[in-house]
Amino acid sequence: MSVHIQKIAPLEIEQESFRIISEELGQTDLDEQTFKVVQRVIHATGDFSFCENMRFSSGAIEAGIQAIQDGKNILTDVNMAAAGISKALLAKWGGKVLCKVADPEVAKRAKAENRTRSEIAIDLGLEQNVGIVAIGNAPTALLQTIKTLKEKNVDSIPLVVGVPVGFVNAAESKALLVEQNNCYITSLGRKGGSPVAAAIVNALIRLANA
């Protein structure tokens, strides 16, 4: 057989994956915390281009860590992103992962107001002690997040992890996030997705627990 399968203990797979990523990336200009976030995204996707297209506002990682340690909740746009977040590690600080897109109330309001469920879910979710908003699927959810946060008169603006994937308004919504929000982590262009959103949040949770 010409294919070589590496023999490795199950508990060592993630560590070896991170070693390979570090080796293949080589020297970068990223600080240690930013590198850990980017590394986990590459680990989740197998895509090294995220090292080039991810953007972090000043103080974004610190804001995310602080929100976790303050016991604030994490709001996601879809259940897939929520499912990928490490709730056991988050529970240490008292925060929860919220996703309201499947709530009956959300569906009812969306139909009555001729809006998407994602838009309604974001508005309702932001009222529940949210410290991080993680958008990996719906550009409409990211656009609504930007709009709502811009209009809200609140003391503490949550970190927005805005990485929706797709061809309709995905790149545009992320460009708008960079333009209009001052606390964000995003990936420019069409690439993104729920696994990326979850990977970013998981990296922040692990940094909070370090």
Foldseek 3Di string as FASTA:
>chain_A
DPDDDDDDDPVCVVVVLLVVLCVVVDDDPDDPLVCLLLSLLCVLPVDNCQVVFKDFFPCQLVLLLVLLQCQFEEEELDVLLQVLADVVLSPVNNYYYDYCLPPPVLVVVCVVVVHHSSLSRLVVVVVGRHQEYQYFADLNNLQSLLVVQVPDDDPHRHAYAQEHADDPCNQVSVVVCVVRPRHYIYGHDRGGGSSSSNSNSNSSSVVSVD
